[in-house]
Amino acid sequence: MSMEEGITFTKEKAEAFRDAYVDALQQGKDTFTFEGKGVFIDYAKYMCEHLVNAGLLDKS
C-alpha cells in the first residue's frame, strides 16, 4: 500500500490553489489539477474555506 504525498500550504500556495479553483469554476469544470494532483471542485470549495479559517487566505 502506498501513501500519496500531500500538499503543504503556504499563504502563496493557498492563493494559487484558490486561483486555480476559481478558474476551473468559471470554466464549468468538475475537476482541476494543482501541483500534479487532481482536485474535485466540491472538495476545493471546502478546502478554501478551511484555508480561510487557518489564516492562509483572506475572505473574499
PDB file of N, CA and C in Angstrom:
ATOM      1  N   MET A   1       0.856  -1.182   0.000  1.00  0.00           N
ATOM      2  CA  MET A   1       0.000   0.000   0.000  1.00  0.00           C
ATOM      3  C   MET A   1       0.895   1.235   0.000  1.00  0.00           C
ATOM      4  N   SER A   2       0.567   2.196  -0.828  1.00  0.00           N
ATOM      5  CA  SER A   2       1.369   3.412  -0.881  1.00  0.00           C
ATOM      6  C   SER A   2       0.539   4.600  -0.420  1.00  0.00           C
ATOM      7  N   MET A   3       1.228   5.575   0.127  1.00  0.00           N
ATOM      8  CA  MET A   3       0.563   6.802   0.563  1.00  0.00           C
ATOM      9  C   MET A   3       0.862   7.886  -0.453  1.00  0.00           C
ATOM     10  N   GLU A   4      -0.170   8.608  -0.856  1.00  0.00           N
ATOM     11  CA  GLU A   4       0.035   9.714  -1.781  1.00  0.00           C
ATOM     12  C   GLU A   4       0.552  10.913  -0.998  1.00  0.00           C
ATOM     13  N   GLU A   5       1.530  11.579  -1.560  1.00  0.00           N
ATOM     14  CA  GLU A   5       2.109  12.749  -0.919  1.00  0.00           C
ATOM     15  C   GLU A   5       1.105  13.896  -0.924  1.00  0.00           C
ATOM     16  N   GLY A   6       0.961  14.565   0.202  1.00  0.00           N
ATOM     17  CA  GLY A   6       0.035  15.681   0.314  1.00  0.00           C
ATOM     18  C   GLY A   6       0.668  16.994  -0.122  1.00  0.00           C
ATOM     19  N   ILE A   7      -0.087  18.049   0.018  1.00  0.00           N
ATOM     20  CA  ILE A   7       0.378  19.388  -0.319  1.00  0.00           C
ATOM     21  C   ILE A   7       0.503  20.181   0.977  1.00  0.00           C
ATOM     22  N   THR A   8       1.646  20.786   1.196  1.00  0.00           N
ATOM     23  CA  THR A   8       1.837  21.663   2.345  1.00  0.00           C
ATOM     24  C   THR A   8       1.579  23.083   1.871  1.00  0.00           C
ATOM     25  N   PHE A   9       0.590  23.726   2.491  1.00  0.00           N
ATOM     26  CA  PHE A   9       0.172  25.051   2.037  1.00  0.00           C
ATOM     27  C   PHE A   9       0.902  26.172   2.764  1.00  0.00           C
ATOM     28  N   THR A  10       1.392  27.106   1.978  1.00  0.00           N
ATOM     29  CA  THR A  10       1.864  28.399   2.466  1.00  0.00           C
ATOM     30  C   THR A  10       0.788  29.402   2.041  1.00  0.00           C
ATOM     31  N   LYS A  11       0.930  30.633   2.474  1.00  0.00           N
ATOM     32  CA  LYS A  11      -0.032  31.662   2.057  1.00  0.00           C
ATOM     33  C   LYS A  11      -0.046  31.803   0.530  1.00  0.00           C
ATOM     34  N   GLU A  12       1.127  31.806  -0.091  1.00  0.00           N
ATOM     35  CA  GLU A  12       1.215  31.946  -1.540  1.00  0.00           C
ATOM     36  C   GLU A  12       0.602  30.744  -2.257  1.00  0.00           C
ATOM     37  N   LYS A  13       0.871  29.547  -1.734  1.00  0.00           N
ATOM     38  CA  LYS A  13       0.337  28.341  -2.356  1.00  0.00           C
ATOM     39  C   LYS A  13      -1.184  28.274  -2.184  1.00  0.00           C
ATOM     40  N   ALA A  14      -1.681  28.740  -1.047  1.00  0.00           N
ATOM     41  CA  ALA A  14      -3.128  28.775  -0.813  1.00  0.00           C
ATOM     42  C   ALA A  14      -3.802  29.721  -1.808  1.00  0.00           C
ATOM     43  N   GLU A  15      -3.170  30.856  -2.071  1.00  0.00           N
ATOM     44  CA  GLU A  15      -3.726  31.807  -3.048  1.00  0.00           C
ATOM     45  C   GLU A  15      -3.715  31.206  -4.456  1.00  0.00           C
ATOM     46  N   ALA A  16      -2.665  30.484  -4.801  1.00  0.00           N
ATOM     47  CA  ALA A  16      -2.593  29.830  -6.109  1.00  0.00           C
ATOM     48  C   ALA A  16      -3.662  28.744  -6.223  1.00  0.00           C
ATOM     49  N   PHE A  17      -3.903  28.027  -5.128  1.00  0.00           N
ATOM     50  CA  PHE A  17      -4.943  26.991  -5.115  1.00  0.00           C
ATOM     51  C   PHE A  17      -6.311  27.626  -5.347  1.00  0.00           C
ATOM     52  N   ARG A  18      -6.590  28.719  -4.630  1.00  0.00           N
ATOM     53  CA  ARG A  18      -7.879  29.394  -4.807  1.00  0.00           C
ATOM     54  C   ARG A  18      -8.016  29.930  -6.238  1.00  0.00           C
ATOM     55  N   ASP A  19      -6.948  30.476  -6.795  1.00  0.00           N
ATOM     56  CA  ASP A  19      -6.983  30.965  -8.178  1.00  0.00           C
ATOM     57  C   ASP A  19      -7.303  29.831  -9.149  1.00  0.00           C
ATOM     58  N   ALA A  20      -6.677  28.668  -8.954  1.00  0.00           N
ATOM     59  CA  ALA A  20      -6.931  27.518  -9.820  1.00  0.00           C
ATOM     60  C   ALA A  20      -8.371  27.044  -9.666  1.00  0.00           C
ATOM     61  N   TYR A  21      -8.873  27.057  -8.437  1.00  0.00           N
ATOM     62  CA  TYR A  21     -10.268  26.683  -8.165  1.00  0.00           C
ATOM     63  C   TYR A  21     -11.236  27.632  -8.867  1.00  0.00           C
ATOM     64  N   VAL A  22     -11.019  28.928  -8.741  1.00  0.00           N
ATOM     65  CA  VAL A  22     -11.901  29.925  -9.360  1.00  0.00           C
ATOM     66  C   VAL A  22     -11.862  29.795 -10.883  1.00  0.00           C
ATOM     67  N   ASP A  23     -10.679  29.604 -11.457  1.00  0.00           N
ATOM     68  CA  ASP A  23     -10.561  29.429 -12.912  1.00  0.00           C
ATOM     69  C   ASP A  23     -11.360  28.217 -13.382  1.00  0.00           C
ATOM     70  N   ALA A  24     -11.206  27.094 -12.689  1.00  0.00           N
ATOM     71  CA  ALA A  24     -11.928  25.876 -13.066  1.00  0.00           C
ATOM     72  C   ALA A  24     -13.432  26.062 -12.911  1.00  0.00           C
ATOM     73  N   LEU A  25     -13.838  26.737 -11.852  1.00  0.00           N
ATOM     74  CA  LEU A  25     -15.257  27.000 -11.603  1.00  0.00           C
ATOM     75  C   LEU A  25     -15.844  27.849 -12.727  1.00  0.00           C
ATOM     76  N   GLN A  26     -15.143  28.891 -13.121  1.00  0.00           N
ATOM     77  CA  GLN A  26     -15.617  29.775 -14.186  1.00  0.00           C
ATOM     78  C   GLN A  26     -15.682  29.072 -15.534  1.00  0.00           C
ATOM     79  N   GLN A  27     -14.843  28.053 -15.713  1.00  0.00           N
ATOM     80  CA  GLN A  27     -14.836  27.296 -16.968  1.00  0.00           C
ATOM     81  C   GLN A  27     -15.837  26.141 -16.946  1.00  0.00           C
ATOM     82  N   GLY A  28     -16.529  25.970 -15.826  1.00  0.00           N
ATOM     83  CA  GLY A  28     -17.536  24.917 -15.713  1.00  0.00           C
ATOM     84  C   GLY A  28     -16.966  23.519 -15.544  1.00  0.00           C
ATOM     85  N   LYS A  29     -15.732  23.430 -15.092  1.00  0.00           N
ATOM     86  CA  LYS A  29     -15.096  22.127 -14.910  1.00  0.00           C
ATOM     87  C   LYS A  29     -15.519  21.496 -13.585  1.00  0.00           C
ATOM     88  N   ASP A  30     -15.464  20.157 -13.534  1.00  0.00           N
ATOM     89  CA  ASP A  30     -15.740  19.424 -12.299  1.00  0.00           C
ATOM     90  C   ASP A  30     -14.469  19.171 -11.496  1.00  0.00           C
ATOM     91  N   THR A  31     -13.337  19.202 -12.188  1.00  0.00           N
ATOM     92  CA  THR A  31     -12.046  18.952 -11.550  1.00  0.00           C
ATOM     93  C   THR A  31     -10.996  19.886 -12.142  1.00  0.00           C
ATOM     94  N   PHE A  32      -9.879  19.999 -11.439  1.00  0.00           N
ATOM     95  CA  PHE A  32      -8.716  20.724 -11.955  1.00  0.00           C
ATOM     96  C   PHE A  32      -7.474  20.084 -11.369  1.00  0.00           C
ATOM     97  N   THR A  33      -6.335  20.416 -11.937  1.00  0.00           N
ATOM     98  CA  THR A  33      -5.070  19.868 -11.460  1.00  0.00           C
ATOM     99  C   THR A  33      -4.304  20.951 -10.722  1.00  0.00           C
ATOM    100  N   PHE A  34      -3.811  20.591  -9.538  1.00  0.00           N
ATOM    101  CA  PHE A  34      -2.989  21.511  -8.751  1.00  0.00           C
ATOM    102  C   PHE A  34      -1.779  20.738  -8.255  1.00  0.00           C
ATOM    103  N   GLU A  35      -0.601  21.202  -8.616  1.00  0.00           N
ATOM    104  CA  GLU A  35       0.655  20.541  -8.262  1.00  0.00           C
ATOM    105  C   GLU A  35       0.641  19.065  -8.641  1.00  0.00           C
ATOM    106  N   GLY A  36       0.086  18.790  -9.824  1.00  0.00           N
ATOM    107  CA  GLY A  36       0.083  17.428 -10.334  1.00  0.00           C
ATOM    108  C   GLY A  36      -0.969  16.512  -9.741  1.00  0.00           C
ATOM    109  N   LYS A  37      -1.854  17.058  -8.917  1.00  0.00           N
ATOM    110  CA  LYS A  37      -2.886  16.254  -8.276  1.00  0.00           C
ATOM    111  C   LYS A  37      -4.265  16.704  -8.748  1.00  0.00           C
ATOM    112  N   GLY A  38      -5.125  15.751  -9.046  1.00  0.00           N
ATOM    113  CA  GLY A  38      -6.485  16.063  -9.442  1.00  0.00           C
ATOM    114  C   GLY A  38      -7.305  16.480  -8.233  1.00  0.00           C
ATOM    115  N   VAL A  39      -8.075  17.548  -8.378  1.00  0.00           N
ATOM    116  CA  VAL A  39      -8.881  18.077  -7.271  1.00  0.00           C
ATOM    117  C   VAL A  39     -10.314  18.273  -7.767  1.00  0.00           C
ATOM    118  N   PHE A  40     -11.275  17.730  -7.023  1.00  0.00           N
ATOM    119  CA  PHE A  40     -12.682  17.948  -7.338  1.00  0.00           C
ATOM    120  C   PHE A  40     -13.097  19.346  -6.895  1.00  0.00           C
ATOM    121  N   ILE A  41     -13.919  20.000  -7.704  1.00  0.00           N
ATOM    122  CA  ILE A  41     -14.405  21.354  -7.405  1.00  0.00           C
ATOM    123  C   ILE A  41     -15.096  21.394  -6.040  1.00  0.00           C
ATOM    124  N   ASP A  42     -15.946  20.412  -5.756  1.00  0.00           N
ATOM    125  CA  ASP A  42     -16.670  20.401  -4.481  1.00  0.00           C
ATOM    126  C   ASP A  42     -15.710  20.333  -3.294  1.00  0.00           C
ATOM    127  N   TYR A  43     -14.643  19.526  -3.418  1.00  0.00           N
ATOM    128  CA  TYR A  43     -13.651  19.429  -2.366  1.00  0.00           C
ATOM    129  C   TYR A  43     -12.879  20.745  -2.231  1.00  0.00           C
ATOM    130  N   ALA A  44     -12.541  21.357  -3.364  1.00  0.00           N
ATOM    131  CA  ALA A  44     -11.762  22.600  -3.355  1.00  0.00           C
ATOM    132  C   ALA A  44     -12.519  23.717  -2.641  1.00  0.00           C
ATOM    133  N   LYS A  45     -13.842  23.745  -2.790  1.00  0.00           N
ATOM    134  CA  LYS A  45     -14.648  24.764  -2.112  1.00  0.00           C
ATOM    135  C   LYS A  45     -14.435  24.685  -0.599  1.00  0.00           C
ATOM    136  N   TYR A  46     -14.523  23.482  -0.061  1.00  0.00           N
ATOM    137  CA  TYR A  46     -14.344  23.311   1.385  1.00  0.00           C
ATOM    138  C   TYR A  46     -12.892  23.497   1.803  1.00  0.00           C
ATOM    139  N   MET A  47     -11.979  23.142   0.927  1.00  0.00           N
ATOM    140  CA  MET A  47     -10.564  23.348   1.229  1.00  0.00           C
ATOM    141  C   MET A  47     -10.265  24.838   1.335  1.00  0.00           C
ATOM    142  N   CYS A  48     -10.849  25.638   0.451  1.00  0.00           N
ATOM    143  CA  CYS A  48     -10.651  27.095   0.514  1.00  0.00           C
ATOM    144  C   CYS A  48     -11.229  27.658   1.809  1.00  0.00           C
ATOM    145  N   GLU A  49     -12.383  27.169   2.227  1.00  0.00           N
ATOM    146  CA  GLU A  49     -12.967  27.606   3.499  1.00  0.00           C
ATOM    147  C   GLU A  49     -12.033  27.258   4.658  1.00  0.00           C
ATOM    148  N   HIS A  50     -11.453  26.068   4.617  1.00  0.00           N
ATOM    149  CA  HIS A  50     -10.514  25.661   5.659  1.00  0.00           C
ATOM    150  C   HIS A  50      -9.276  26.557   5.662  1.00  0.00           C
ATOM    151  N   LEU A  51      -8.773  26.890   4.471  1.00  0.00           N
ATOM    152  CA  LEU A  51      -7.594  27.747   4.379  1.00  0.00           C
ATOM    153  C   LEU A  51      -7.874  29.148   4.911  1.00  0.00           C
ATOM    154  N   VAL A  52      -9.110  29.631   4.734  1.00  0.00           N
ATOM    155  CA  VAL A  52      -9.502  30.921   5.331  1.00  0.00           C
ATOM    156  C   VAL A  52      -9.482  30.784   6.853  1.00  0.00           C
ATOM    157  N   ASN A  53     -10.103  29.719   7.373  1.00  0.00           N
ATOM    158  CA  ASN A  53     -10.152  29.514   8.824  1.00  0.00           C
ATOM    159  C   ASN A  53      -8.767  29.314   9.428  1.00  0.00           C
ATOM    160  N   ALA A  54      -7.843  28.782   8.647  1.00  0.00           N
ATOM    161  CA  ALA A  54      -6.462  28.558   9.115  1.00  0.00           C
ATOM    162  C   ALA A  54      -5.615  29.822   8.998  1.00  0.00           C
ATOM    163  N   GLY A  55      -6.186  30.881   8.397  1.00  0.00           N
ATOM    164  CA  GLY A  55      -5.465  32.145   8.275  1.00  0.00           C
ATOM    165  C   GLY A  55      -4.537  32.226   7.075  1.00  0.00           C
ATOM    166  N   LEU A  56      -4.662  31.281   6.148  1.00  0.00           N
ATOM    167  CA  LEU A  56      -3.800  31.295   4.966  1.00  0.00           C
ATOM    168  C   LEU A  56      -4.421  32.017   3.785  1.00  0.00           C
ATOM    169  N   LEU A  57      -5.732  32.264   3.849  1.00  0.00           N
ATOM    170  CA  LEU A  57      -6.431  33.031   2.812  1.00  0.00           C
ATOM    171  C   LEU A  57      -7.276  34.099   3.474  1.00  0.00           C
ATOM    172  N   ASP A  58      -7.391  35.231   2.802  1.00  0.00           N
ATOM    173  CA  ASP A  58      -8.304  36.280   3.247  1.00  0.00           C
ATOM    174  C   ASP A  58      -9.696  35.944   2.736  1.00  0.00           C
ATOM    175  N   LYS A  59     -10.712  36.348   3.470  1.00  0.00           N
ATOM    176  CA  LYS A  59     -12.079  36.170   2.986  1.00  0.00           C
ATOM    177  C   LYS A  59     -12.285  37.098   1.809  1.00  0.00           C
ATOM    178  N   SER A  60     -12.732  36.526   0.697  1.00  0.00           N
ATOM    179  CA  SER A  60     -13.037  37.354  -0.489  1.00  0.00           C
ATOM    180  C   SER A  60     -13.709  36.522  -1.537  1.00  0.00           C
TER     181      SER A  60
END
